[in-house]
C-alpha atoms as a PDB file:
ATOM      1  CA  UNK A   1       0.000   0.000   0.000  1.00  0.00           C
ATOM      2  CA  UNK A   2       2.778   2.414   0.915  1.00  0.00           C
ATOM      3  CA  UNK A   3       4.537   1.695  -2.376  1.00  0.00           C
ATOM      4  CA  UNK A   4       1.338   2.416  -4.313  1.00  0.00           C
ATOM      5  CA  UNK A   5       0.971   5.686  -2.370  1.00  0.00           C
ATOM      6  CA  UNK A   6       4.503   6.780  -3.182  1.00  0.00           C
ATOM      7  CA  UNK A   7       4.163   5.803  -6.846  1.00  0.00           C
ATOM      8  CA  UNK A   8       0.876   7.678  -7.204  1.00  0.00           C
ATOM      9  CA  UNK A   9       2.311  10.733  -5.422  1.00  0.00           C
ATOM     10  CA  UNK A  10       5.198  10.739  -7.916  1.00  0.00           C
ATOM     11  CA  UNK A  11       2.644  10.691 -10.743  1.00  0.00           C
ATOM     12  CA  UNK A  12       0.826  13.626  -9.103  1.00  0.00           C
ATOM     13  CA  UNK A  13       4.097  15.575  -8.972  1.00  0.00           C
ATOM     14  CA  UNK A  14       4.788  14.821 -12.641  1.00  0.00           C
ATOM     15  CA  UNK A  15       1.230  15.915 -13.489  1.00  0.00           C
ATOM     16  CA  UNK A  16       1.654  19.271 -11.779  1.00  0.00           C
ATOM     17  CA  UNK A  17       5.059  19.810 -13.368  1.00  0.00           C
ATOM     18  CA  UNK A  18       3.310  19.704 -16.744  1.00  0.00           C
ATOM     19  CA  UNK A  19       0.040  21.419 -15.861  1.00  0.00           C
ATOM     20  CA  UNK A  20       1.075  23.768 -13.011  1.00  0.00           C
ATOM     21  CA  UNK A  21      -1.799  22.415 -10.887  1.00  0.00           C
ATOM     22  CA  UNK A  22      -2.947  19.178  -9.254  1.00  0.00           C
ATOM     23  CA  UNK A  23      -6.522  19.893 -10.394  1.00  0.00           C
ATOM     24  CA  UNK A  24      -7.727  17.176 -12.746  1.00  0.00           C
ATOM     25  CA  UNK A  25      -5.321  14.564 -11.401  1.00  0.00           C
ATOM     26  CA  UNK A  26      -7.235  11.314 -10.895  1.00  0.00           C
ATOM     27  CA  UNK A  27      -6.722   7.704  -9.823  1.00  0.00           C
ATOM     28  CA  UNK A  28      -6.664   6.572 -13.441  1.00  0.00           C
ATOM     29  CA  UNK A  29      -3.131   7.979 -13.596  1.00  0.00           C
ATOM     30  CA  UNK A  30      -1.984   5.431 -10.966  1.00  0.00           C
ATOM     31  CA  UNK A  31      -1.539   1.655 -10.947  1.00  0.00           C
ATOM     32  CA  UNK A  32      -2.875  -0.293  -7.974  1.00  0.00           C
ATOM     33  CA  UNK A  33      -1.190  -3.559  -6.977  1.00  0.00           C
ATOM     34  CA  UNK A  34      -1.934  -6.536  -4.705  1.00  0.00           C
ATOM     35  CA  UNK A  35      -5.669  -5.933  -4.265  1.00  0.00           C
ATOM     36  CA  UNK A  36      -5.267  -2.243  -3.461  1.00  0.00           C
ATOM     37  CA  UNK A  37      -7.736   0.425  -4.553  1.00  0.00           C
ATOM     38  CA  UNK A  38      -6.434   3.948  -5.170  1.00  0.00           C
ATOM     39  CA  UNK A  39      -8.630   7.015  -4.733  1.00  0.00           C
ATOM     40  CA  UNK A  40      -7.667  10.632  -5.270  1.00  0.00           C
ATOM     41  CA  UNK A  41      -9.486  12.160  -2.316  1.00  0.00           C
ATOM     42  CA  UNK A  42      -8.766  15.705  -3.436  1.00  0.00           C
ATOM     43  CA  UNK A  43      -6.711  17.492  -6.067  1.00  0.00           C
ATOM     44  CA  UNK A  44      -6.603  21.274  -5.872  1.00  0.00           C
ATOM     45  CA  UNK A  45      -4.291  23.873  -7.350  1.00  0.00           C
ATOM     46  CA  UNK A  46      -1.546  23.518  -4.736  1.00  0.00           C
ATOM     47  CA  UNK A  47      -2.262  20.264  -2.894  1.00  0.00           C
ATOM     48  CA  UNK A  48      -3.592  16.726  -3.110  1.00  0.00           C
ATOM     49  CA  UNK A  49      -4.652  13.784  -0.982  1.00  0.00           C
ATOM     50  CA  UNK A  50      -4.459  10.193  -2.231  1.00  0.00           C
ATOM     51  CA  UNK A  51      -5.800   7.123  -0.415  1.00  0.00           C
ATOM     52  CA  UNK A  52      -5.030   3.436  -0.895  1.00  0.00           C
ATOM     53  CA  UNK A  53      -7.389   0.878   0.584  1.00  0.00           C
ATOM     54  CA  UNK A  54      -6.962  -2.877   0.951  1.00  0.00           C
ATOM     55  CA  UNK A  55      -9.680  -4.879   2.740  1.00  0.00           C
ATOM     56  CA  UNK A  56      -7.149  -7.627   3.494  1.00  0.00           C
ATOM     57  CA  UNK A  57      -4.770  -5.332   5.381  1.00  0.00           C
ATOM     58  CA  UNK A  58      -4.569  -5.590   9.182  1.00  0.00           C
ATOM     59  CA  UNK A  59      -7.219  -3.790  11.232  1.00  0.00           C
ATOM     60  CA  UNK A  60      -6.255  -0.154  11.701  1.00  0.00           C
ATOM     61  CA  UNK A  61      -4.228  -0.147   8.472  1.00  0.00           C
ATOM     62  CA  UNK A  62      -6.881  -0.860   5.839  1.00  0.00           C
ATOM     63  CA  UNK A  63      -6.622   2.665   4.396  1.00  0.00           C
ATOM     64  CA  UNK A  64      -3.502   4.783   4.114  1.00  0.00           C
ATOM     65  CA  UNK A  65      -3.433   8.349   2.825  1.00  0.00           C
ATOM     66  CA  UNK A  66      -0.630  10.532   1.514  1.00  0.00           C
ATOM     67  CA  UNK A  67      -0.773  14.302   1.160  1.00  0.00           C
ATOM     68  CA  UNK A  68       1.486  16.755  -0.650  1.00  0.00           C
ATOM     69  CA  UNK A  69       4.746  16.792   1.212  1.00  0.00           C
ATOM     70  CA  UNK A  70       4.711  13.031   1.819  1.00  0.00           C
ATOM     71  CA  UNK A  71       2.772  12.832   5.094  1.00  0.00           C
ATOM     72  CA  UNK A  72       1.306   9.290   5.349  1.00  0.00           C
ATOM     73  CA  UNK A  73      -1.409   8.275   7.805  1.00  0.00           C
ATOM     74  CA  UNK A  74      -3.095   4.889   8.128  1.00  0.00           C
ATOM     75  CA  UNK A  75      -6.315   3.851   9.819  1.00  0.00           C
END
């Protein structure tokens, strides 16, 4: 899950390098692995939030989210 988060965040950074905004960035730009589901929670001009969910992950770690700057939280 963490790898998918990092990979998707790198795609978001590449997107904004081309477009000068995160707006329009969506989960279709990212590849999910190992039963993960990727959701772009928000994509605004200067920030984003991306979540990866896996129902088979341990309790309390079924969803992890990364925000611009690399902050990861899991619950």
